[in-house]
Amino acid sequence: LAPTGVHCGNHITSHGLALNCCTDLTWFDHIIPCGLEGKGVTSLSRELGRHVTVDHVLEPFLTSFQEVFDCTLVFSEDTG
């Protein structure tokens, strides 16, 4: 999933999130994630001590997201 970020424009703010599963975390050495200096990033694989892929966690993550935010996610095949 995409890195976390905040976008502000046209009086609208939006925030993204990252679900780092088995990400090469060395890339984060070159940026300040979320603008939080001195803070690091991690991954599910690092925290659990085993290889975790997006395929392993995507469905339970989306289910929990819908429950926590009391919403229904709608998916589109159109990526344009």
PDB file of N, CA and C in Angstrom:
ATOM      1  N   LEU A   1       0.832  -1.178   0.000  1.00  0.00           N
ATOM      2  CA  LEU A   1       0.000   0.000   0.000  1.00  0.00           C
ATOM      3  C   LEU A   1       0.874   1.237   0.000  1.00  0.00           C
ATOM      4  N   ALA A   2       0.284   2.335  -0.385  1.00  0.00           N
ATOM      5  CA  ALA A   2       1.032   3.577  -0.531  1.00  0.00           C
ATOM      6  C   ALA A   2       1.449   4.123   0.824  1.00  0.00           C
ATOM      7  N   PRO A   3       2.542   4.875   0.844  1.00  0.00           N
ATOM      8  CA  PRO A   3       2.964   5.506   2.091  1.00  0.00           C
ATOM      9  C   PRO A   3       1.920   6.481   2.601  1.00  0.00           C
ATOM     10  N   THR A   4       1.983   6.701   3.898  1.00  0.00           N
ATOM     11  CA  THR A   4       1.092   7.651   4.527  1.00  0.00           C
ATOM     12  C   THR A   4       1.401   9.054   4.030  1.00  0.00           C
ATOM     13  N   GLY A   5       0.401   9.889   3.936  1.00  0.00           N
ATOM     14  CA  GLY A   5       0.621  11.268   3.545  1.00  0.00           C
ATOM     15  C   GLY A   5      -0.628  12.082   3.768  1.00  0.00           C
ATOM     16  N   VAL A   6      -0.457  13.381   3.790  1.00  0.00           N
ATOM     17  CA  VAL A   6      -1.580  14.293   3.935  1.00  0.00           C
ATOM     18  C   VAL A   6      -1.591  15.199   2.721  1.00  0.00           C
ATOM     19  N   HIS A   7      -2.756  15.399   2.155  1.00  0.00           N
ATOM     20  CA  HIS A   7      -2.919  16.301   1.026  1.00  0.00           C
ATOM     21  C   HIS A   7      -3.938  17.357   1.404  1.00  0.00           C
ATOM     22  N   CYS A   8      -3.620  18.606   1.127  1.00  0.00           N
ATOM     23  CA  CYS A   8      -4.545  19.700   1.385  1.00  0.00           C
ATOM     24  C   CYS A   8      -4.755  20.461   0.083  1.00  0.00           C
ATOM     25  N   GLY A   9      -5.999  20.696  -0.268  1.00  0.00           N
ATOM     26  CA  GLY A   9      -6.285  21.456  -1.474  1.00  0.00           C
ATOM     27  C   GLY A   9      -7.764  21.698  -1.628  1.00  0.00           C
ATOM     28  N   ASN A  10      -8.111  22.870  -2.140  1.00  0.00           N
ATOM     29  CA  ASN A  10      -9.512  23.230  -2.367  1.00  0.00           C
ATOM     30  C   ASN A  10     -10.369  23.038  -1.115  1.00  0.00           C
ATOM     31  N   HIS A  11      -9.810  23.421   0.036  1.00  0.00           N
ATOM     32  CA  HIS A  11     -10.516  23.349   1.319  1.00  0.00           C
ATOM     33  C   HIS A  11     -10.861  21.912   1.725  1.00  0.00           C
ATOM     34  N   ILE A  12     -10.106  20.956   1.205  1.00  0.00           N
ATOM     35  CA  ILE A  12     -10.313  19.548   1.541  1.00  0.00           C
ATOM     36  C   ILE A  12      -8.978  18.960   1.970  1.00  0.00           C
ATOM     37  N   THR A  13      -8.982  18.211   3.074  1.00  0.00           N
ATOM     38  CA  THR A  13      -7.783  17.491   3.482  1.00  0.00           C
ATOM     39  C   THR A  13      -8.048  15.997   3.371  1.00  0.00           C
ATOM     40  N   SER A  14      -7.027  15.282   3.031  1.00  0.00           N
ATOM     41  CA  SER A  14      -7.145  13.819   2.981  1.00  0.00           C
ATOM     42  C   SER A  14      -5.857  13.225   3.525  1.00  0.00           C
ATOM     43  N   HIS A  15      -5.965  12.057   4.095  1.00  0.00           N
ATOM     44  CA  HIS A  15      -4.830  11.388   4.715  1.00  0.00           C
ATOM     45  C   HIS A  15      -4.772   9.961   4.207  1.00  0.00           C
ATOM     46  N   GLY A  16      -3.607   9.520   3.881  1.00  0.00           N
ATOM     47  CA  GLY A  16      -3.404   8.141   3.445  1.00  0.00           C
ATOM     48  C   GLY A  16      -2.811   7.331   4.571  1.00  0.00           C
ATOM     49  N   LEU A  17      -2.610   6.061   4.322  1.00  0.00           N
ATOM     50  CA  LEU A  17      -1.961   5.214   5.313  1.00  0.00           C
ATOM     51  C   LEU A  17      -1.122   4.170   4.605  1.00  0.00           C
ATOM     52  N   ALA A  18      -0.217   3.607   5.354  1.00  0.00           N
ATOM     53  CA  ALA A  18       0.646   2.569   4.803  1.00  0.00           C
ATOM     54  C   ALA A  18       0.444   1.294   5.603  1.00  0.00           C
ATOM     55  N   LEU A  19       0.406   0.209   4.907  1.00  0.00           N
ATOM     56  CA  LEU A  19       0.381  -1.099   5.540  1.00  0.00           C
ATOM     57  C   LEU A  19       1.632  -1.816   5.039  1.00  0.00           C
ATOM     58  N   ASN A  20       2.740  -1.552   5.718  1.00  0.00           N
ATOM     59  CA  ASN A  20       4.014  -2.135   5.312  1.00  0.00           C
ATOM     60  C   ASN A  20       4.050  -3.589   5.762  1.00  0.00           C
ATOM     61  N   CYS A  21       4.051  -4.471   4.797  1.00  0.00           N
ATOM     62  CA  CYS A  21       4.051  -5.898   5.121  1.00  0.00           C
ATOM     63  C   CYS A  21       5.455  -6.476   5.019  1.00  0.00           C
ATOM     64  N   CYS A  22       6.009  -6.460   3.838  1.00  0.00           N
ATOM     65  CA  CYS A  22       7.355  -7.000   3.622  1.00  0.00           C
ATOM     66  C   CYS A  22       8.156  -5.993   2.786  1.00  0.00           C
ATOM     67  N   THR A  23       8.012  -4.749   3.154  1.00  0.00           N
ATOM     68  CA  THR A  23       8.608  -3.621   2.446  1.00  0.00           C
ATOM     69  C   THR A  23      10.099  -3.515   2.723  1.00  0.00           C
ATOM     70  N   ASP A  24      10.864  -3.107   1.699  1.00  0.00           N
ATOM     71  CA  ASP A  24      12.278  -2.777   1.885  1.00  0.00           C
ATOM     72  C   ASP A  24      12.324  -1.434   2.607  1.00  0.00           C
ATOM     73  N   LEU A  25      12.575  -1.455   3.888  1.00  0.00           N
ATOM     74  CA  LEU A  25      12.490  -0.259   4.719  1.00  0.00           C
ATOM     75  C   LEU A  25      13.689   0.668   4.563  1.00  0.00           C
ATOM     76  N   THR A  26      14.730   0.244   3.840  1.00  0.00           N
ATOM     77  CA  THR A  26      15.905   1.102   3.666  1.00  0.00           C
ATOM     78  C   THR A  26      15.566   2.376   2.896  1.00  0.00           C
ATOM     79  N   TRP A  27      14.511   2.353   2.080  1.00  0.00           N
ATOM     80  CA  TRP A  27      14.110   3.548   1.341  1.00  0.00           C
ATOM     81  C   TRP A  27      13.695   4.671   2.289  1.00  0.00           C
ATOM     82  N   PHE A  28      13.214   4.321   3.464  1.00  0.00           N
ATOM     83  CA  PHE A  28      12.777   5.331   4.425  1.00  0.00           C
ATOM     84  C   PHE A  28      13.950   6.082   5.048  1.00  0.00           C
ATOM     85  N   ASP A  29      15.178   5.613   4.817  1.00  0.00           N
ATOM     86  CA  ASP A  29      16.362   6.334   5.296  1.00  0.00           C
ATOM     87  C   ASP A  29      16.547   7.649   4.550  1.00  0.00           C
ATOM     88  N   HIS A  30      15.878   7.819   3.423  1.00  0.00           N
ATOM     89  CA  HIS A  30      16.064   8.984   2.558  1.00  0.00           C
ATOM     90  C   HIS A  30      14.946  10.020   2.695  1.00  0.00           C
ATOM     91  N   ILE A  31      13.981   9.773   3.549  1.00  0.00           N
ATOM     92  CA  ILE A  31      12.855  10.700   3.709  1.00  0.00           C
ATOM     93  C   ILE A  31      12.530  10.862   5.195  1.00  0.00           C
ATOM     94  N   ILE A  32      11.669  11.803   5.486  1.00  0.00           N
ATOM     95  CA  ILE A  32      11.126  11.965   6.841  1.00  0.00           C
ATOM     96  C   ILE A  32       9.657  11.560   6.744  1.00  0.00           C
ATOM     97  N   PRO A  33       9.343  10.288   7.060  1.00  0.00           N
ATOM     98  CA  PRO A  33       7.968   9.807   6.903  1.00  0.00           C
ATOM     99  C   PRO A  33       6.969  10.648   7.702  1.00  0.00           C
ATOM    100  N   CYS A  34       5.929  11.069   7.042  1.00  0.00           N
ATOM    101  CA  CYS A  34       4.856  11.871   7.649  1.00  0.00           C
ATOM    102  C   CYS A  34       5.362  13.169   8.249  1.00  0.00           C
ATOM    103  N   GLY A  35       6.580  13.559   7.910  1.00  0.00           N
ATOM    104  CA  GLY A  35       7.139  14.789   8.460  1.00  0.00           C
ATOM    105  C   GLY A  35       7.508  14.677   9.929  1.00  0.00           C
ATOM    106  N   LEU A  36       7.609  13.464  10.439  1.00  0.00           N
ATOM    107  CA  LEU A  36       7.904  13.241  11.864  1.00  0.00           C
ATOM    108  C   LEU A  36       9.388  12.922  12.024  1.00  0.00           C
ATOM    109  N   GLU A  37      10.190  13.953  12.256  1.00  0.00           N
ATOM    110  CA  GLU A  37      11.627  13.751  12.403  1.00  0.00           C
ATOM    111  C   GLU A  37      11.943  12.891  13.611  1.00  0.00           C
ATOM    112  N   GLY A  38      12.928  12.017  13.439  1.00  0.00           N
ATOM    113  CA  GLY A  38      13.373  11.164  14.529  1.00  0.00           C
ATOM    114  C   GLY A  38      12.509   9.940  14.769  1.00  0.00           C
ATOM    115  N   LYS A  39      11.469   9.777  13.971  1.00  0.00           N
ATOM    116  CA  LYS A  39      10.595   8.612  14.102  1.00  0.00           C
ATOM    117  C   LYS A  39      10.888   7.643  12.972  1.00  0.00           C
ATOM    118  N   GLY A  40      10.818   6.386  13.240  1.00  0.00           N
ATOM    119  CA  GLY A  40      11.099   5.380  12.233  1.00  0.00           C
ATOM    120  C   GLY A  40       9.839   4.741  11.696  1.00  0.00           C
ATOM    121  N   VAL A  41      10.030   3.809  10.815  1.00  0.00           N
ATOM    122  CA  VAL A  41       8.932   3.012  10.277  1.00  0.00           C
ATOM    123  C   VAL A  41       9.269   1.549  10.489  1.00  0.00           C
ATOM    124  N   THR A  42       8.265   0.735  10.429  1.00  0.00           N
ATOM    125  CA  THR A  42       8.469  -0.692  10.589  1.00  0.00           C
ATOM    126  C   THR A  42       7.535  -1.422   9.632  1.00  0.00           C
ATOM    127  N   SER A  43       7.545  -2.719   9.702  1.00  0.00           N
ATOM    128  CA  SER A  43       6.667  -3.534   8.863  1.00  0.00           C
ATOM    129  C   SER A  43       6.092  -4.663   9.706  1.00  0.00           C
ATOM    130  N   LEU A  44       5.032  -5.244   9.198  1.00  0.00           N
ATOM    131  CA  LEU A  44       4.459  -6.398   9.897  1.00  0.00           C
ATOM    132  C   LEU A  44       5.456  -7.544   9.941  1.00  0.00           C
ATOM    133  N   SER A  45       6.197  -7.747   8.860  1.00  0.00           N
ATOM    134  CA  SER A  45       7.198  -8.822   8.834  1.00  0.00           C
ATOM    135  C   SER A  45       8.244  -8.616   9.922  1.00  0.00           C
ATOM    136  N   ARG A  46       8.732  -7.382  10.069  1.00  0.00           N
ATOM    137  CA  ARG A  46       9.745  -7.099  11.095  1.00  0.00           C
ATOM    138  C   ARG A  46       9.159  -7.310  12.488  1.00  0.00           C
ATOM    139  N   GLU A  47       7.967  -6.805  12.731  1.00  0.00           N
ATOM    140  CA  GLU A  47       7.366  -6.882  14.058  1.00  0.00           C
ATOM    141  C   GLU A  47       7.010  -8.314  14.449  1.00  0.00           C
ATOM    142  N   LEU A  48       6.567  -9.116  13.475  1.00  0.00           N
ATOM    143  CA  LEU A  48       6.155 -10.492  13.768  1.00  0.00           C
ATOM    144  C   LEU A  48       7.281 -11.496  13.639  1.00  0.00           C
ATOM    145  N   GLY A  49       8.402 -11.070  13.058  1.00  0.00           N
ATOM    146  CA  GLY A  49       9.549 -11.962  12.909  1.00  0.00           C
ATOM    147  C   GLY A  49       9.332 -13.064  11.887  1.00  0.00           C
ATOM    148  N   ARG A  50       8.447 -12.810  10.936  1.00  0.00           N
ATOM    149  CA  ARG A  50       8.195 -13.775   9.863  1.00  0.00           C
ATOM    150  C   ARG A  50       7.735 -13.022   8.627  1.00  0.00           C
ATOM    151  N   HIS A  51       7.829 -13.646   7.467  1.00  0.00           N
ATOM    152  CA  HIS A  51       7.441 -13.015   6.214  1.00  0.00           C
ATOM    153  C   HIS A  51       5.923 -12.889   6.125  1.00  0.00           C
ATOM    154  N   VAL A  52       5.436 -11.662   5.995  1.00  0.00           N
ATOM    155  CA  VAL A  52       4.008 -11.383   5.890  1.00  0.00           C
ATOM    156  C   VAL A  52       3.788 -10.622   4.588  1.00  0.00           C
ATOM    157  N   THR A  53       2.883 -11.110   3.747  1.00  0.00           N
ATOM    158  CA  THR A  53       2.604 -10.440   2.485  1.00  0.00           C
ATOM    159  C   THR A  53       1.282  -9.682   2.559  1.00  0.00           C
ATOM    160  N   VAL A  54       1.093  -8.784   1.612  1.00  0.00           N
ATOM    161  CA  VAL A  54      -0.163  -8.043   1.527  1.00  0.00           C
ATOM    162  C   VAL A  54      -1.324  -9.015   1.363  1.00  0.00           C
ATOM    163  N   ASP A  55      -1.131 -10.074   0.565  1.00  0.00           N
ATOM    164  CA  ASP A  55      -2.197 -11.064   0.364  1.00  0.00           C
ATOM    165  C   ASP A  55      -2.648 -11.698   1.679  1.00  0.00           C
ATOM    166  N   HIS A  56      -1.728 -11.836   2.640  1.00  0.00           N
ATOM    167  CA  HIS A  56      -2.071 -12.420   3.938  1.00  0.00           C
ATOM    168  C   HIS A  56      -2.978 -11.512   4.763  1.00  0.00           C
ATOM    169  N   VAL A  57      -2.812 -10.215   4.634  1.00  0.00           N
ATOM    170  CA  VAL A  57      -3.478  -9.302   5.564  1.00  0.00           C
ATOM    171  C   VAL A  57      -4.530  -8.385   4.947  1.00  0.00           C
ATOM    172  N   LEU A  58      -4.614  -8.321   3.624  1.00  0.00           N
ATOM    173  CA  LEU A  58      -5.498  -7.350   2.998  1.00  0.00           C
ATOM    174  C   LEU A  58      -6.964  -7.551   3.373  1.00  0.00           C
ATOM    175  N   GLU A  59      -7.471  -8.772   3.262  1.00  0.00           N
ATOM    176  CA  GLU A  59      -8.885  -9.013   3.555  1.00  0.00           C
ATOM    177  C   GLU A  59      -9.229  -8.701   5.018  1.00  0.00           C
ATOM    178  N   PRO A  60      -8.464  -9.224   6.000  1.00  0.00           N
ATOM    179  CA  PRO A  60      -8.805  -8.875   7.386  1.00  0.00           C
ATOM    180  C   PRO A  60      -8.625  -7.389   7.682  1.00  0.00           C
ATOM    181  N   PHE A  61      -7.652  -6.737   7.046  1.00  0.00           N
ATOM    182  CA  PHE A  61      -7.474  -5.297   7.230  1.00  0.00           C
ATOM    183  C   PHE A  61      -8.689  -4.533   6.727  1.00  0.00           C
ATOM    184  N   LEU A  62      -9.153  -4.851   5.517  1.00  0.00           N
ATOM    185  CA  LEU A  62     -10.302  -4.143   4.950  1.00  0.00           C
ATOM    186  C   LEU A  62     -11.570  -4.386   5.757  1.00  0.00           C
ATOM    187  N   THR A  63     -11.745  -5.599   6.252  1.00  0.00           N
ATOM    188  CA  THR A  63     -12.897  -5.913   7.098  1.00  0.00           C
ATOM    189  C   THR A  63     -12.860  -5.072   8.373  1.00  0.00           C
ATOM    190  N   SER A  64     -11.707  -5.015   9.019  1.00  0.00           N
ATOM    191  CA  SER A  64     -11.564  -4.222  10.248  1.00  0.00           C
ATOM    192  C   SER A  64     -11.759  -2.743   9.969  1.00  0.00           C
ATOM    193  N   PHE A  65     -11.233  -2.258   8.846  1.00  0.00           N
ATOM    194  CA  PHE A  65     -11.390  -0.855   8.474  1.00  0.00           C
ATOM    195  C   PHE A  65     -12.870  -0.494   8.378  1.00  0.00           C
ATOM    196  N   GLN A  66     -13.647  -1.344   7.715  1.00  0.00           N
ATOM    197  CA  GLN A  66     -15.081  -1.095   7.568  1.00  0.00           C
ATOM    198  C   GLN A  66     -15.789  -1.086   8.921  1.00  0.00           C
ATOM    199  N   GLU A  67     -15.389  -1.988   9.804  1.00  0.00           N
ATOM    200  CA  GLU A  67     -16.006  -2.048  11.123  1.00  0.00           C
ATOM    201  C   GLU A  67     -15.654  -0.822  11.963  1.00  0.00           C
ATOM    202  N   VAL A  68     -14.390  -0.449  11.982  1.00  0.00           N
ATOM    203  CA  VAL A  68     -13.939   0.672  12.808  1.00  0.00           C
ATOM    204  C   VAL A  68     -14.540   1.986  12.324  1.00  0.00           C
ATOM    205  N   PHE A  69     -14.579   2.188  11.005  1.00  0.00           N
ATOM    206  CA  PHE A  69     -15.061   3.449  10.458  1.00  0.00           C
ATOM    207  C   PHE A  69     -16.532   3.398  10.044  1.00  0.00           C
ATOM    208  N   ASP A  70     -17.202   2.296  10.365  1.00  0.00           N
ATOM    209  CA  ASP A  70     -18.627   2.127  10.093  1.00  0.00           C
ATOM    210  C   ASP A  70     -18.960   2.568   8.664  1.00  0.00           C
ATOM    211  N   CYS A  71     -18.287   1.917   7.704  1.00  0.00           N
ATOM    212  CA  CYS A  71     -18.464   2.290   6.309  1.00  0.00           C
ATOM    213  C   CYS A  71     -18.470   1.034   5.436  1.00  0.00           C
ATOM    214  N   THR A  72     -18.796   1.223   4.184  1.00  0.00           N
ATOM    215  CA  THR A  72     -18.731   0.162   3.193  1.00  0.00           C
ATOM    216  C   THR A  72     -17.760   0.592   2.118  1.00  0.00           C
ATOM    217  N   LEU A  73     -16.760  -0.219   1.866  1.00  0.00           N
ATOM    218  CA  LEU A  73     -15.791   0.083   0.819  1.00  0.00           C
ATOM    219  C   LEU A  73     -16.334  -0.373  -0.528  1.00  0.00           C
ATOM    220  N   VAL A  74     -16.138   0.440  -1.541  1.00  0.00           N
ATOM    221  CA  VAL A  74     -16.585   0.139  -2.898  1.00  0.00           C
ATOM    222  C   VAL A  74     -15.358   0.082  -3.775  1.00  0.00           C
ATOM    223  N   PHE A  75     -15.206  -0.963  -4.536  1.00  0.00           N
ATOM    224  CA  PHE A  75     -14.041  -1.150  -5.374  1.00  0.00           C
ATOM    225  C   PHE A  75     -14.414  -0.981  -6.831  1.00  0.00           C
ATOM    226  N   SER A  76     -13.487  -0.425  -7.586  1.00  0.00           N
ATOM    227  CA  SER A  76     -13.710  -0.187  -8.993  1.00  0.00           C
ATOM    228  C   SER A  76     -12.580  -0.832  -9.795  1.00  0.00           C
ATOM    229  N   GLU A  77     -12.928  -1.414 -10.910  1.00  0.00           N
ATOM    230  CA  GLU A  77     -11.929  -1.985 -11.807  1.00  0.00           C
ATOM    231  C   GLU A  77     -11.217  -0.887 -12.597  1.00  0.00           C
ATOM    232  N   ASP A  78     -11.841   0.278 -12.679  1.00  0.00           N
ATOM    233  CA  ASP A  78     -11.305   1.404 -13.429  1.00  0.00           C
ATOM    234  C   ASP A  78     -10.236   2.095 -12.606  1.00  0.00           C
ATOM    235  N   THR A  79      -8.967   2.015 -13.023  1.00  0.00           N
ATOM    236  CA  THR A  79      -7.883   2.652 -12.289  1.00  0.00           C
ATOM    237  C   THR A  79      -7.544   4.002 -12.879  1.00  0.00           C
ATOM    238  N   GLY A  80      -8.230   4.424 -13.927  1.00  0.00           N
ATOM    239  CA  GLY A  80      -7.935   5.715 -14.565  1.00  0.00           C
ATOM    240  C   GLY A  80      -8.740   6.777 -13.951  1.00  0.00           C
TER     241      GLY A  80
END
